[in-house]
Amino acid sequence: MKRWTQIFKALANVNRLKIITLLAGSKPMHVTDIAAELGISLKATSKHLILLHNLDVLVAKGEKGHIYYSLNSAMPKDLRNAVQLFK
């Protein structure tokens, strides 16, 4: 029950849903690109990305001094089913 509470809280934010939608239809993106696309601050974007990463919705890969985010293709099935609703 606690896990679902965390998942629903994470998915209850419109910017996090926008991030999921954005990353579902694109190649991995850097925090700066995501922030620009959503029109929100880097700090807010980073907080959203960290939360989604901690829930295993996103994976992060470092390249050339930058971190690129993408949807986690190996995310837990229960979470994948919930995320599918917003892609």
Protein backbone atom coordinates (compact mmCIF):
# COMPACT_ATOMS: atom_id res chain seq x y z
CA MET A 1 0.00 0.00 0.00
CA LYS A 2 2.83 2.41 0.82
CA ARG A 3 4.41 1.92 -2.62
CA TRP A 4 1.14 2.79 -4.39
CA THR A 5 0.79 5.90 -2.26
CA GLN A 6 4.23 7.03 -3.44
CA ILE A 7 3.38 6.20 -7.05
CA PHE A 8 0.09 8.09 -6.98
CA LYS A 9 1.74 11.09 -5.34
CA ALA A 10 4.41 11.10 -8.03
CA LEU A 11 1.88 10.83 -10.85
CA ALA A 12 -0.39 13.48 -9.32
CA ASN A 13 1.89 16.28 -10.53
CA VAL A 14 1.23 17.62 -14.03
CA ASN A 15 4.90 18.40 -14.69
CA ARG A 16 5.93 14.83 -13.87
CA LEU A 17 3.27 13.54 -16.23
CA LYS A 18 4.60 15.90 -18.90
CA ILE A 19 8.12 14.56 -18.32
CA ILE A 20 6.91 10.98 -18.75
CA THR A 21 5.05 11.90 -21.93
CA LEU A 22 8.03 13.84 -23.27
CA LEU A 23 10.52 11.04 -22.62
CA ALA A 24 8.17 8.35 -23.94
CA GLY A 25 8.28 9.89 -27.39
CA SER A 26 11.91 10.88 -27.65
CA LYS A 27 15.51 9.96 -27.22
CA PRO A 28 17.16 10.51 -23.81
CA MET A 29 17.14 14.16 -22.78
CA HIS A 30 19.29 16.39 -20.58
CA VAL A 31 17.70 18.27 -17.67
CA THR A 32 18.22 21.60 -19.45
CA ASP A 33 16.32 20.41 -22.52
CA ILE A 34 13.49 19.02 -20.40
CA ALA A 35 13.21 22.26 -18.40
CA ALA A 36 13.13 24.33 -21.59
CA GLU A 37 10.48 22.11 -23.15
CA LEU A 38 8.25 22.33 -20.07
CA GLY A 39 8.97 25.99 -19.33
CA ILE A 40 9.92 25.37 -15.70
CA SER A 41 13.10 26.05 -13.73
CA LEU A 42 16.12 23.75 -13.73
CA LYS A 43 15.76 23.29 -9.98
CA ALA A 44 12.12 22.18 -10.24
CA THR A 45 12.92 19.93 -13.20
CA SER A 46 15.79 18.30 -11.31
CA LYS A 47 13.55 17.60 -8.31
CA HIS A 48 10.91 15.98 -10.56
CA LEU A 49 13.54 13.89 -12.35
CA ILE A 50 15.09 12.70 -9.09
CA LEU A 51 11.72 11.65 -7.72
CA LEU A 52 10.84 9.74 -10.91
CA HIS A 53 14.31 8.19 -10.98
CA ASN A 54 13.98 7.04 -7.35
CA LEU A 55 10.69 5.32 -8.23
CA ASP A 56 12.40 3.51 -11.15
CA VAL A 57 10.30 5.33 -13.76
CA LEU A 58 13.43 6.88 -15.29
CA VAL A 59 17.00 5.79 -15.84
CA ALA A 60 19.88 8.24 -15.87
CA LYS A 61 23.02 7.88 -17.95
CA GLY A 62 26.03 10.14 -17.69
CA GLU A 63 27.72 11.26 -20.90
CA LYS A 64 30.32 13.98 -21.42
CA GLY A 65 29.62 15.63 -18.07
CA HIS A 66 25.83 15.60 -18.52
CA ILE A 67 23.13 13.28 -17.25
CA TYR A 68 20.54 12.13 -19.78
CA TYR A 69 17.18 10.74 -18.69
CA SER A 70 14.93 8.22 -20.41
CA LEU A 71 12.04 5.98 -19.45
CA ASN A 72 13.15 2.83 -17.67
CA SER A 73 12.30 -0.09 -19.94
CA ALA A 74 12.81 -2.42 -16.96
CA MET A 75 10.55 -0.56 -14.51
CA PRO A 76 8.41 -2.77 -12.28
CA LYS A 77 5.30 -4.12 -14.01
CA ASP A 78 2.85 -2.44 -11.65
CA LEU A 79 4.46 0.92 -12.24
CA ARG A 80 4.75 0.36 -15.98
CA ASN A 81 1.00 -0.28 -16.13
CA ALA A 82 0.30 3.00 -14.33
CA VAL A 83 2.73 4.95 -16.53
CA GLN A 84 1.19 3.51 -19.70
CA LEU A 85 -1.95 5.49 -18.93
CA PHE A 86 -0.06 8.76 -19.51
CA LYS A 87 2.13 7.92 -22.51
